[in-house]
Structure formats: structure tokens, C-alpha cells
Protein backbone atom coordinates (compact mmCIF):
# COMPACT_ATOMS: atom_id res chain seq x y z
CA MET A 1 -40.53 -64.70 -33.86
CA ALA A 2 -38.61 -65.42 -36.72
CA MET A 3 -34.69 -66.55 -36.24
CA GLU A 4 -32.08 -64.58 -34.47
CA GLY A 5 -31.46 -61.16 -36.03
CA ARG A 6 -34.06 -61.76 -38.93
CA SER A 7 -37.57 -60.16 -38.52
CA ARG A 8 -40.54 -62.04 -40.31
CA VAL A 9 -43.11 -59.66 -41.97
CA ALA A 10 -46.43 -60.80 -43.12
CA LEU A 11 -47.45 -58.84 -46.23
CA ILE A 12 -51.06 -58.95 -47.16
CA THR A 13 -52.62 -56.95 -49.86
CA VAL A 14 -56.40 -55.97 -50.03
CA SER A 15 -58.03 -54.93 -53.38
CA ASP A 16 -61.60 -53.98 -54.45
CA GLY A 17 -64.56 -56.01 -53.96
CA ARG A 18 -66.04 -56.03 -57.11
CA ALA A 19 -64.91 -58.73 -59.02
CA SER A 20 -64.88 -56.72 -62.42
CA VAL A 21 -62.88 -54.05 -60.73
CA HIS A 22 -60.41 -56.40 -59.15
CA ALA A 23 -59.67 -58.06 -62.55
CA GLN A 24 -58.59 -54.59 -64.03
CA ILE A 25 -56.28 -53.69 -60.85
CA ALA A 26 -55.11 -56.99 -59.65
CA ALA A 27 -51.77 -56.79 -61.73
CA PHE A 28 -51.13 -53.36 -60.44
CA ALA A 29 -51.92 -54.31 -56.82
CA GLY A 30 -49.36 -57.64 -57.57
CA GLU A 31 -46.43 -55.49 -59.02
CA ALA A 32 -46.75 -52.86 -56.14
CA GLU A 33 -46.49 -55.86 -53.45
CA ALA A 34 -43.77 -57.32 -55.29
CA ARG A 35 -41.57 -53.86 -55.13
CA LEU A 36 -42.42 -53.59 -51.33
CA ALA A 37 -41.51 -56.88 -50.82
CA SER A 38 -38.31 -56.70 -52.49
CA ARG A 39 -37.30 -53.31 -50.65
CA LEU A 40 -38.19 -55.17 -47.08
CA GLU A 41 -36.06 -58.24 -48.13
CA ALA A 42 -33.04 -56.06 -49.22
CA LEU A 43 -33.14 -54.96 -45.45
CA GLY A 44 -32.80 -58.47 -44.45
CA ASN A 45 -36.09 -59.41 -43.40
CA GLU A 46 -38.08 -62.36 -44.11
CA VAL A 47 -41.46 -61.64 -45.88
CA VAL A 48 -44.08 -63.83 -46.27
CA ARG A 49 -46.87 -63.10 -49.09
CA ALA A 50 -50.03 -64.48 -50.05
CA GLU A 51 -53.11 -64.35 -52.05
CA ILE A 52 -54.28 -60.93 -52.96
CA VAL A 53 -57.45 -60.33 -50.89
CA CYS A 54 -60.73 -59.37 -52.72
CA THR A 55 -63.22 -61.23 -50.68
CA PRO A 56 -64.11 -61.06 -47.14
CA ASP A 57 -63.75 -64.97 -46.75
CA LEU A 58 -60.12 -64.79 -48.14
CA GLY A 59 -58.99 -62.13 -45.97
CA VAL A 60 -60.16 -64.27 -42.92
CA SER A 61 -58.18 -67.66 -44.20
CA VAL A 62 -55.23 -65.47 -45.33
CA ALA A 63 -54.78 -63.68 -42.17
CA ARG A 64 -55.16 -66.85 -40.18
CA ARG A 65 -52.24 -68.38 -42.02
CA ALA A 66 -49.98 -65.56 -41.51
CA ALA A 67 -51.05 -65.57 -37.91
CA ALA A 68 -50.22 -68.76 -37.46
CA LEU A 69 -46.31 -68.03 -38.45
CA HIS A 70 -46.31 -65.54 -35.60
CA PRO A 71 -45.12 -62.64 -37.76
CA ASP A 72 -43.28 -59.61 -35.89
CA LEU A 73 -45.31 -57.42 -38.11
CA THR A 74 -48.28 -57.61 -40.51
CA ILE A 75 -48.47 -55.13 -43.19
CA ILE A 76 -51.69 -54.52 -44.69
CA ASN A 77 -50.81 -52.99 -48.19
CA ILE A 78 -53.58 -50.87 -49.93
CA PRO A 79 -52.16 -49.83 -53.07
CA VAL A 80 -55.74 -49.37 -54.85
CA TRP A 81 -58.96 -48.44 -53.68
CA SER A 82 -60.12 -51.24 -51.24
CA PHE A 83 -63.19 -52.18 -49.46
CA PRO A 84 -62.34 -51.13 -45.90
CA LYS A 85 -63.92 -54.10 -44.44
CA PHE A 86 -61.11 -56.41 -45.84
CA ALA A 87 -58.65 -54.79 -43.75
CA VAL A 88 -61.05 -55.09 -40.57
CA ARG A 89 -61.32 -58.61 -41.42
CA VAL A 90 -57.44 -59.23 -41.57
CA ALA A 91 -56.77 -57.37 -38.72
CA SER A 92 -59.53 -59.06 -36.55
CA GLU A 93 -57.55 -62.26 -36.98
CA ILE A 94 -54.01 -61.15 -36.08
CA SER A 95 -53.49 -60.00 -32.70
CA GLY A 96 -49.51 -58.83 -33.25
CA PRO A 97 -48.27 -55.43 -34.41
CA LEU A 98 -50.23 -53.87 -37.48
CA VAL A 99 -49.25 -51.39 -39.87
CA LEU A 100 -51.55 -50.10 -42.86
CA TYR A 101 -49.37 -49.27 -45.95
CA SER A 102 -50.14 -47.41 -49.33
CA ASN A 103 -47.95 -46.11 -52.03
CA LEU A 104 -48.51 -42.54 -53.37
CA ASP A 105 -49.53 -43.35 -56.82
CA PRO A 106 -51.95 -40.72 -58.35
CA GLN A 107 -53.62 -43.44 -60.89
CA TYR A 108 -55.11 -45.43 -58.19
CA PRO A 109 -56.81 -44.10 -54.81
CA GLY A 110 -54.78 -46.49 -52.47
CA MET A 111 -54.41 -43.65 -50.07
CA VAL A 112 -58.15 -43.12 -49.77
CA GLY A 113 -58.46 -46.95 -48.89
CA MET A 114 -56.12 -46.72 -46.14
CA LEU A 115 -57.72 -43.60 -44.61
CA ALA A 116 -60.83 -45.68 -44.78
CA ALA A 117 -59.38 -48.73 -43.11
CA GLY A 118 -57.47 -46.78 -40.54
CA GLY A 119 -60.77 -45.10 -39.45
CA ALA A 120 -62.63 -48.28 -39.26
CA LEU A 121 -60.03 -49.74 -37.10
CA ASP A 122 -59.80 -46.70 -34.75
CA GLN A 123 -63.51 -46.96 -34.41
CA LEU A 124 -62.74 -50.64 -33.13
CA GLY A 125 -59.91 -49.55 -31.04
CA ARG A 126 -57.42 -51.84 -32.79
CA ALA A 127 -53.97 -50.18 -32.48
CA HIS A 128 -52.07 -49.72 -35.63
CA GLY A 129 -49.39 -47.85 -37.25
CA ARG A 130 -49.69 -46.04 -40.68
CA VAL A 131 -47.10 -45.37 -43.61
CA CYS A 132 -47.85 -43.79 -46.90
CA GLY A 133 -45.28 -42.85 -49.79
CA ARG A 134 -43.39 -44.90 -52.45
CA PRO A 135 -41.28 -47.82 -51.32
CA ASP A 136 -38.09 -46.67 -53.36
CA ASP A 137 -38.26 -43.66 -51.10
CA ARG A 138 -35.81 -43.78 -48.61
CA GLU A 139 -37.84 -42.19 -45.73
CA THR A 140 -40.60 -44.52 -46.50
CA ILE A 141 -38.92 -47.64 -46.09
CA GLU A 142 -37.14 -46.50 -42.87
CA GLN A 143 -40.60 -45.63 -41.49
CA LEU A 144 -41.59 -49.48 -42.35
CA GLN A 145 -38.19 -50.70 -40.79
CA SER A 146 -38.82 -48.83 -37.68
CA PHE A 147 -42.08 -50.50 -37.39
CA ILE A 148 -40.68 -54.00 -38.29
CA THR A 149 -38.15 -53.35 -35.48
CA ALA A 150 -40.81 -52.26 -32.93
CA GLY A 151 -42.91 -55.18 -33.94
CA ALA A 152 -40.17 -57.34 -33.47
CA ALA A 153 -39.14 -55.92 -30.15
CA VAL A 154 -42.96 -56.69 -28.87
CA ARG A 155 -43.16 -59.85 -30.44
CA GLY A 156 -40.06 -60.73 -28.94
CA LEU A 157 -41.31 -60.21 -25.33
CA ALA A 158 -44.63 -62.31 -25.74
CA GLY A 159 -43.69 -66.00 -24.24
CA SER A 160 -40.37 -64.68 -22.62
CA ALA A 161 -39.29 -65.53 -19.08
CA PHE A 162 -37.61 -63.34 -16.41
CA GLY A 163 -35.77 -64.62 -13.63
CA ARG A 164 -36.46 -62.81 -10.59
CA ILE A 165 -33.48 -63.54 -8.37
CA GLY A 166 -34.37 -62.45 -5.06
CA GLY A 167 -37.01 -60.19 -3.93
CA ARG A 168 -37.35 -56.40 -3.44
CA SER A 169 -33.86 -54.94 -2.60
CA MET A 170 -33.59 -51.99 0.09
CA GLY A 171 -37.21 -51.11 -0.24
CA MET A 172 -37.23 -50.08 -3.64
CA ASN A 173 -40.79 -50.06 -4.73
CA THR A 174 -39.85 -48.70 -8.54
CA ALA A 175 -37.94 -52.23 -8.82
CA VAL A 176 -40.99 -54.48 -8.27
CA ALA A 177 -43.82 -55.06 -10.78
CA ALA A 178 -47.12 -56.89 -10.63
CA THR A 179 -46.62 -60.45 -12.39
CA ASP A 180 -50.11 -60.47 -13.84
CA GLN A 181 -49.51 -57.11 -15.19
CA TRP A 182 -46.60 -58.02 -16.96
CA MET A 183 -48.45 -61.12 -18.38
CA LYS A 184 -51.28 -59.03 -19.72
CA ILE A 185 -49.46 -56.15 -21.17
CA PHE A 186 -46.01 -57.73 -22.59
CA GLY A 187 -46.87 -61.25 -22.27
CA VAL A 188 -43.73 -61.83 -19.76
CA ASP A 189 -43.77 -64.67 -17.46
CA VAL A 190 -41.82 -64.34 -14.14
CA GLU A 191 -39.91 -67.16 -12.59
CA GLU A 192 -39.34 -66.60 -8.82
CA ILE A 193 -35.68 -67.97 -7.56
CA ASP A 194 -34.16 -67.77 -4.33
CA GLN A 195 -30.57 -65.96 -4.07
CA PHE A 196 -29.57 -69.24 -2.18
CA GLU A 197 -29.75 -70.82 -5.56
CA LEU A 198 -26.80 -68.68 -6.55
CA VAL A 199 -24.81 -69.46 -3.56
CA ARG A 200 -25.78 -73.44 -3.72
CA ARG A 201 -24.77 -73.40 -7.27
CA ALA A 202 -21.53 -71.22 -7.05
CA GLU A 203 -20.16 -73.72 -4.34
CA SER A 204 -20.39 -76.43 -6.77
CA ILE A 205 -18.51 -74.84 -9.87
CA ALA A 206 -15.30 -76.24 -11.00
CA SER A 207 -12.36 -74.78 -9.64
CA SER A 208 -11.02 -74.67 -13.18
CA ARG A 209 -13.84 -72.14 -14.41
CA ALA A 210 -12.94 -69.99 -11.92
CA ILE A 211 -9.34 -69.75 -11.93
CA ALA A 212 -9.72 -69.40 -15.88
CA GLY A 213 -11.91 -66.39 -15.19
CA ARG A 214 -9.63 -64.84 -12.60
CA GLU A 215 -6.69 -65.21 -14.97
CA TRP A 216 -8.43 -63.51 -17.89
CA PHE A 217 -9.07 -60.52 -16.01
CA GLU A 218 -5.48 -60.20 -14.64
CA ARG A 219 -4.40 -60.75 -17.94
CA TYR A 220 -6.46 -58.27 -19.88
CA ALA A 221 -7.76 -55.88 -17.46
CA ALA A 222 -5.95 -52.50 -16.84
CA GLY A 223 -5.38 -53.70 -13.39
CA VAL A 224 -6.69 -56.12 -10.74
CA HIS A 225 -6.20 -54.17 -7.57
CA TYR A 226 -6.03 -56.92 -4.70
CA ASP A 227 -5.88 -55.13 -1.21
CA GLY A 228 -5.89 -58.59 0.87
CA ILE A 229 -9.17 -57.55 2.44
CA ARG A 230 -11.93 -56.55 0.41
CA LEU A 231 -10.36 -58.11 -2.83
CA THR A 232 -8.32 -61.29 -3.08
CA PRO A 233 -7.67 -63.90 -5.55
CA GLU A 234 -10.41 -66.10 -3.60
CA LEU A 235 -12.92 -63.11 -3.46
CA LEU A 236 -12.65 -62.60 -7.13
CA GLU A 237 -12.88 -66.49 -7.71
CA ARG A 238 -16.28 -66.60 -5.83
CA GLN A 239 -17.41 -63.89 -7.80
CA ILE A 240 -16.64 -65.66 -10.91
CA ARG A 241 -18.34 -68.76 -9.61
CA VAL A 242 -21.58 -66.96 -8.82
CA TYR A 243 -21.31 -65.60 -12.66
CA CYS A 244 -21.11 -69.28 -13.65
CA ALA A 245 -23.80 -70.56 -11.45
CA ALA A 246 -26.06 -67.68 -13.07
CA LYS A 247 -25.05 -68.20 -16.61
CA ASP A 248 -25.81 -72.03 -15.98
CA LEU A 249 -29.17 -71.16 -14.22
CA VAL A 250 -30.10 -68.91 -17.01
CA GLU A 251 -29.45 -71.88 -19.90
CA GLU A 252 -31.23 -74.57 -17.42
CA LEU A 253 -34.43 -72.56 -16.70
CA ARG A 254 -34.58 -71.30 -20.26
CA LEU A 255 -34.94 -67.63 -19.22
CA ASP A 256 -34.64 -64.74 -21.47
CA PHE A 257 -33.45 -62.09 -18.83
CA CYS A 258 -33.05 -61.76 -15.23
CA GLY A 259 -32.38 -59.83 -12.35
CA ILE A 260 -30.18 -60.10 -9.20
CA LYS A 261 -31.27 -58.71 -5.67
CA GLY A 262 -27.58 -58.60 -4.36
CA GLN A 263 -28.40 -56.20 -1.58
CA PRO A 264 -28.10 -56.70 1.29
CA GLU A 265 -27.94 -60.24 1.99
CA LEU A 266 -25.21 -61.49 -0.56
CA THR A 267 -23.32 -58.02 -0.43
CA ASP A 268 -23.07 -58.34 3.36
CA HIS A 269 -22.35 -62.09 3.77
CA TYR A 270 -21.00 -63.58 0.47
CA CYS A 271 -19.82 -61.28 -2.33
CA THR A 272 -21.08 -58.43 -4.64
CA MET A 273 -22.70 -59.19 -7.79
CA ASP A 274 -20.73 -57.09 -9.79
CA ILE A 275 -18.63 -59.31 -11.84
CA ALA A 276 -21.97 -61.47 -12.46
CA GLU A 277 -24.02 -58.61 -13.46
CA ALA A 278 -21.31 -57.01 -15.82
CA CYS A 279 -20.49 -60.48 -17.63
CA LEU A 280 -23.82 -61.48 -18.29
CA ASN A 281 -24.81 -58.49 -19.85
CA ASP A 282 -21.36 -58.64 -21.78
CA PRO A 283 -21.33 -60.47 -25.38
CA TYR A 284 -18.06 -62.38 -24.27
CA ASP A 285 -16.38 -63.95 -21.46
CA TRP A 286 -13.19 -65.95 -20.98
CA GLU A 287 -14.99 -68.87 -22.47
CA GLY A 288 -15.66 -67.10 -25.63
CA PRO A 289 -18.47 -65.03 -27.53
CA LYS A 290 -21.81 -65.10 -26.25
CA VAL A 291 -25.18 -63.71 -26.69
CA PRO A 292 -25.91 -60.87 -23.86
CA VAL A 293 -28.14 -61.86 -21.25
CA VAL A 294 -29.89 -59.05 -19.75
CA CYS A 295 -29.30 -58.79 -15.82
CA ALA A 296 -30.76 -56.03 -13.64
CA THR A 297 -29.03 -55.18 -10.43
CA GLU A 298 -31.23 -55.09 -7.24
CA ALA A 299 -33.70 -57.45 -9.37
CA ASP A 300 -35.42 -54.33 -10.84
CA MET A 301 -37.96 -55.59 -12.71
CA ASP A 302 -39.11 -52.74 -14.92
CA GLY A 303 -35.39 -51.97 -15.67
CA ALA A 304 -34.74 -55.17 -16.98
CA LEU A 305 -38.01 -55.39 -19.10
CA THR A 306 -36.93 -51.91 -20.50
CA MET A 307 -33.36 -53.30 -21.14
CA GLN A 308 -34.84 -56.31 -22.88
CA ILE A 309 -36.70 -54.15 -25.34
CA LEU A 310 -33.49 -52.05 -26.09
CA LYS A 311 -31.44 -54.83 -26.44
CA THR A 312 -33.92 -55.96 -29.34
CA LEU A 313 -33.39 -52.52 -30.86
CA GLY A 314 -29.61 -52.17 -30.80
CA ALA A 315 -28.67 -56.04 -30.94
CA CYS A 316 -25.90 -55.02 -28.31
CA PRO A 317 -25.36 -54.83 -24.53
CA VAL A 318 -27.72 -52.55 -22.75
CA LEU A 319 -26.54 -49.71 -20.06
CA PHE A 320 -27.90 -49.99 -16.61
CA ALA A 321 -26.88 -47.21 -14.08
CA ASP A 322 -28.26 -45.10 -11.52
CA VAL A 323 -28.84 -41.46 -12.12
CA ARG A 324 -26.29 -40.57 -9.69
CA HIS A 325 -25.17 -36.71 -10.00
CA TYR A 326 -25.56 -33.76 -12.13
CA HIS A 327 -22.88 -31.54 -12.33
CA ALA A 328 -24.79 -28.12 -12.91
CA ASP A 329 -21.59 -26.36 -13.92
CA LEU A 330 -20.97 -28.30 -16.89
CA GLY A 331 -24.44 -29.41 -17.73
CA ILE A 332 -23.73 -33.14 -17.48
CA TRP A 333 -24.77 -36.24 -15.35
CA ASP A 334 -22.85 -38.87 -13.91
CA LEU A 335 -24.60 -42.18 -14.63
CA CYS A 336 -22.93 -44.41 -12.28
CA ASN A 337 -23.65 -47.75 -10.60
CA SER A 338 -21.87 -50.53 -8.80
CA GLY A 339 -20.50 -52.64 -11.47
CA GLN A 340 -23.40 -52.96 -13.51
CA HIS A 341 -22.34 -51.65 -16.87
CA ALA A 342 -20.92 -54.06 -19.60
CA THR A 343 -17.42 -53.78 -20.07
CA TRP A 344 -18.42 -53.60 -23.72
CA TYR A 345 -19.03 -49.88 -23.07
CA ALA A 346 -15.43 -49.02 -22.20
CA GLN A 347 -14.64 -49.07 -26.11
CA ARG A 348 -17.78 -50.70 -27.62
CA SER A 349 -15.57 -52.92 -29.27
CA GLN A 350 -16.42 -56.48 -30.32
CA ASP A 351 -12.74 -57.37 -29.09
CA PRO A 352 -12.69 -57.97 -25.46
CA GLU A 353 -9.25 -57.48 -25.20
CA GLU A 354 -9.60 -53.88 -26.22
CA ASN A 355 -12.70 -53.33 -24.06
CA LEU A 356 -10.86 -54.86 -20.86
CA SER A 357 -7.83 -52.86 -21.15
CA ARG A 358 -9.78 -49.73 -20.22
CA VAL A 359 -11.18 -51.72 -17.27
CA ASP A 360 -10.00 -51.89 -13.38
CA LEU A 361 -11.32 -54.23 -10.67
CA TYR A 362 -11.30 -52.28 -7.35
CA PRO A 363 -11.79 -53.37 -3.62
CA ALA A 364 -15.53 -53.22 -3.12
CA GLU A 365 -16.74 -50.11 -1.36
CA PHE A 366 -18.04 -49.99 2.40
CA TYR A 367 -21.52 -50.46 1.18
CA PHE A 368 -20.56 -53.96 0.38
CA PRO A 369 -18.91 -55.46 3.59
CA ALA A 370 -18.79 -59.01 2.23
CA GLY A 371 -16.04 -57.75 -0.71
CA GLY A 372 -15.37 -58.52 -3.91
CA ALA A 373 -14.27 -56.70 -7.29
CA SER A 374 -16.23 -53.32 -8.51
CA VAL A 375 -15.96 -53.30 -12.45
CA ARG A 376 -14.75 -49.71 -13.04
CA HIS A 377 -14.30 -48.05 -16.65
CA LEU A 378 -15.55 -44.95 -18.18
CA ALA A 379 -18.21 -45.29 -21.01
CA ALA A 380 -16.92 -44.50 -24.25
CA PRO A 381 -18.30 -41.27 -26.25
CA GLY A 382 -21.18 -41.54 -28.59
CA GLU A 383 -24.74 -40.76 -29.59
CA MET A 384 -27.25 -42.90 -27.33
CA THR A 385 -30.84 -43.51 -26.83
CA PHE A 386 -32.19 -43.48 -23.25
CA ALA A 387 -35.20 -45.29 -21.61
CA ARG A 388 -37.06 -46.38 -18.44
CA LEU A 389 -40.37 -48.12 -18.11
CA SER A 390 -42.00 -46.67 -15.01
CA ARG A 391 -45.56 -46.51 -13.65
CA LEU A 392 -47.90 -43.39 -13.00
CA ASP A 393 -50.79 -44.38 -10.69
CA GLY A 394 -50.41 -47.95 -11.63
CA ARG A 395 -50.27 -47.09 -15.56
CA TYR A 396 -47.16 -48.23 -17.60
CA ARG A 397 -45.38 -45.39 -19.74
CA LEU A 398 -41.99 -45.68 -21.60
CA GLN A 399 -39.77 -42.65 -20.59
CA VAL A 400 -37.50 -41.62 -23.56
CA LEU A 401 -34.42 -39.32 -23.86
CA ARG A 402 -31.95 -38.53 -26.28
CA GLY A 403 -28.38 -37.73 -25.30
CA GLU A 404 -24.48 -38.48 -25.63
CA PHE A 405 -21.50 -40.01 -23.58
CA GLU A 406 -19.05 -37.94 -23.14
CA THR A 407 -15.17 -38.07 -22.11
CA TYR A 408 -12.67 -35.31 -21.51
CA ASP A 409 -9.22 -35.22 -21.09
CA ASP A 410 -7.53 -37.46 -18.11
CA ALA A 411 -7.41 -35.11 -15.57
CA THR A 412 -11.09 -33.92 -15.86
CA ASN A 413 -12.19 -37.60 -16.11
CA GLU A 414 -10.31 -38.16 -13.07
CA ARG A 415 -11.67 -35.75 -11.15
CA LEU A 416 -15.45 -35.84 -12.29
CA MET A 417 -15.10 -39.93 -11.25
CA ARG A 418 -13.41 -39.12 -8.22
CA ALA A 419 -16.55 -36.71 -7.24
CA SER A 420 -18.72 -39.66 -6.96
CA THR A 421 -17.85 -43.49 -6.18
CA TYR A 422 -14.58 -43.56 -8.12
CA THR A 423 -14.35 -47.41 -8.10
CA TRP A 424 -17.60 -47.85 -9.82
CA PRO A 425 -18.31 -47.52 -13.82
CA HIS A 426 -19.33 -44.18 -15.07
CA ALA A 427 -21.05 -42.70 -18.17
CA PHE A 428 -20.66 -38.68 -18.26
CA THR A 429 -23.86 -38.04 -20.12
CA ARG A 430 -25.37 -34.70 -21.88
CA PHE A 431 -28.92 -35.43 -22.26
CA ALA A 432 -31.01 -33.52 -24.50
CA ALA A 433 -33.56 -32.38 -22.02
CA SER A 434 -33.37 -29.82 -18.99
CA ALA A 435 -32.40 -31.02 -15.71
CA ASP A 436 -35.12 -29.53 -14.26
CA GLU A 437 -37.60 -31.74 -16.57
CA ILE A 438 -35.88 -34.88 -15.71
CA LEU A 439 -35.95 -34.45 -11.90
CA ALA A 440 -39.43 -33.38 -11.93
CA ARG A 441 -41.04 -36.31 -13.47
CA TYR A 442 -38.46 -39.09 -14.06
CA GLY A 443 -40.17 -41.97 -12.46
CA ALA A 444 -36.99 -44.14 -11.21
CA ASN A 445 -33.40 -43.94 -10.09
CA HIS A 446 -32.22 -46.44 -12.68
CA ILE A 447 -31.74 -45.73 -16.01
CA HIS A 448 -30.80 -47.69 -19.43
CA ALA A 449 -29.51 -47.18 -22.82
CA VAL A 450 -27.97 -48.19 -26.12
CA PRO A 451 -25.98 -46.50 -28.99
CA GLY A 452 -27.83 -44.81 -31.61
CA GLU A 453 -31.15 -43.15 -32.50
CA HIS A 454 -34.32 -45.34 -31.47
CA VAL A 455 -36.53 -42.64 -30.31
CA GLU A 456 -39.41 -43.19 -33.23
CA THR A 457 -38.75 -47.05 -32.75
CA LEU A 458 -39.58 -46.63 -29.05
CA ARG A 459 -42.67 -44.42 -29.74
CA ARG A 460 -44.09 -47.07 -31.81
CA VAL A 461 -43.34 -49.85 -29.27
CA SER A 462 -45.40 -47.90 -26.85
CA ALA A 463 -47.89 -47.65 -29.42
CA PHE A 464 -48.05 -51.38 -30.09
CA LEU A 465 -48.13 -52.17 -26.30
CA GLY A 466 -50.87 -49.76 -25.67
CA ILE A 467 -48.73 -47.94 -23.24
CA GLU A 468 -47.99 -43.88 -22.87
CA PHE A 469 -44.88 -42.68 -24.45
CA ASP A 470 -43.32 -39.80 -22.34
CA GLY A 471 -40.53 -38.29 -24.14
CA PHE A 472 -38.11 -35.64 -22.54
CA GLY A 473 -36.47 -32.55 -24.37
CA SER A 474 -36.04 -33.47 -28.01
CA ALA A 475 -37.54 -36.99 -27.81
CA ARG A 476 -40.99 -35.55 -27.10
């Protein structure tokens, strides 16, 4: 992949294979390529250009040079009639996400060339996207940028490593995936790590780090509700040590994302993982700003993988929650899980103090006899895109919904939170899909989300990965 936050695009223009014709249209093709490159660069992308392809051997050599740069997306630009075999030659040398693009100019039959090339790729089973329109049209450039973002998400997975800390939690089959299938479809390796490694490392974390974390929460959180039994300063420091151990482990093993089993061994005999999971997903801690590290509770592999994809799209922390309860009288869902939500979602502010001012640390509920803090807050309102990788008869699908987080007056918020587990984080959600549809075929108890509208980009991610896109309601 290109540098953090910047996508790399390989732009390869193909032309007519007749030398006399190419000589007449090369200038137009070059100008069309330059206009497109300029628009893409204005959006912050790195665009790599090459010679205009007018012979088969040039197509191969240009494509091989582009492939060596590992672009997030390759765009085959077809502004004029082009021999379809040139696009096929280019595509055969590039394994990553691919889009065919043609401008709409009646002077030259670029659209004809794109359709001919696209048909040839269809016959070969080569997945690709298609965009046709003028580069100065907003809709056209937005479509291309969506493909670029989807390509970056897919390429970002390839070569990455997931740290699976612990095994299957509480018999949840949906939280466990086959490592060979992950490598084949997503290009992701799995590093198996025993939970004892967190305990061992936590015991050697310097007291100064644990104290600094405890004092940070005590200073900035809305409340740290010690009860002397399930939540004490010592237990909170133990949780912070576990977080520091996980943070150090991610860095040492070069993990890209992770999951922690937690239940029942750690939650019965050591402490809850709520602090570790929330803080890993946050873009800050008491040691300063940081890049969020996706961490899924109950070592949910497909959940973590979904979150890693969404993180690429939204460039922000990703929500992890249980689909806990449906309030049929209000038409809203309570997405609630034991402390997993990043505190960022309390206000979605880049200022940790602003977010923490809405966060309470409460003693763990009876589910977790070892004790520790649950990280309670209510997700701030806003438009969200929800997603989950799940499997139907062994085949992956990406299930996607649209919806909004909602909040209400203080009395209503309090009543709804107390209707389930009060001390856990909540996200009151109105989905743009019926409860019947969701409950009939949604494939897991966990769900994930990022702010904004990303449905079409996720549709393109699915196509690039070769898996089914399964949209609900307005996301169909």
C-alpha cells in the first residue's frame, strides 16, 4: 500500500493498435489521461502514469512495472477505441483491484472500447469495476474515488496479521474462522497467542504507567465509581496493565489488528478486558495520540476483520457491539456490549477530554466475577454504516445496513440504558431495514459501524474480494 492515509493509483491508458491511427489520437488520449490524473491527485491520491499502450508487449511491460508498485487500484483508461486485447494483457499482469474507465466524448468511441474490454474480462472471470463519465463531473469522480477507497481497503488487508489472543469464547462459532480461508480470500495471516501472555506481560508493566492511566481516568472521566469490591484502584490498575501489555504486544509482533477472548478465564480469574479493548480502539490514551488498533472482544475473528475494513473506509475508530435488544414500541435497537465501544464514540471528538467527560467507569456486573471497570457511555447521534462479515454454508458474505445513532432527553436515555445492562456502553440505533428482515437472516450477534455513508464502497469491496454483498433495507 501507499503511505498512511494516501492511496496509490496506477493509471494505464490504452489506445488503438494500428500505428497510423494511434498517431492521430495519441495527443487526445494523453490529454484525457492528464485531466483524469489531475482530478484524482486533487483528492489526495498518488497517481502513477506510464506510456500509452498501443502494442501488446508494451501493455505487458507497463502493467508489470505498475504491479511492482502494489497500487491500491489500477485504472485502465480507455478514452478512444482500443484493441480489447490490450486491456486483457494489462489485467493479466495485475492481481489487485481493477477498474475500466472511459470518458464520454462523442468524438471518439472510448465507451465502445470499454464495453469490449469489459466483456473480454467477464469471459475470463476477471473481477473489475466500470466507470463512464467526464472527469470534471462530480458523480464520475466520486465513483472513481469510491473504487479507490475500496481498493485500498482490500489491498490493506493483503499481507496483514491478526493477533488471536485466546481461542473460541463461550462456544461462539461465528467468532472463529479458518486461517486458510482467510489467507486465500483476504491475504491475512493469523498469529495465535495464549491469553497467559497478557497476564505475564501485565505483571511486569511499570507501576508508573498503570498509575498514570488510573489518574487519567479519574481526572477526565465523568465518574470512576469504585465500590471497594468489583472496582478498586488496584483492579483498575490491573486492567490498565493488561492494556499496556496488549499495546506492547501489538507493536512487538507487528500485529495489524487483534482480538481478545477474555471470557471466561480472564473475566473469572483476573479482570475484565473492557479497558484494554476500548483503549486499543481509541485514537488516544494517557500516553498521547495514537493510531487506533482494531481489537474485537471474545476474539471475534470475522468481527475484527470487518472492523479492519471499516477502519480503512472511515479513518476513525470502529464500533463493536452486540445486537442486544429491539425496542419495538420505539422502532430502535440497543447496540450494547461489555465495554467494547471506543470512548471516542461518546462525542466523536478528537479531544479525549471531551469524550471522557461523557464516560463513566462502573464496577463489572455479575457476569465477570474477577471484577474491573466497565466503560459506560452513550454513542453520540449521527448517520452510520453498519457491516458484518459472516458465512453462509461456508461462503463469505458482507452484510451491510444503513442507520443512525439517536439520543433522547436525559430521562429517556436513562430509562433505555437501564432496560438492559446499565453499566455497559450503548448505541441507540434506528436501522433503515425492518426488524423482521434483520432477525431473519443477519448472521451474527455482533455488529460493527463507522460514521457516514459507505454502502456503495462496501459493495465494491465485496466485488474486489469475490464475496457476496448482502444489503438490508435501503442498503440493498
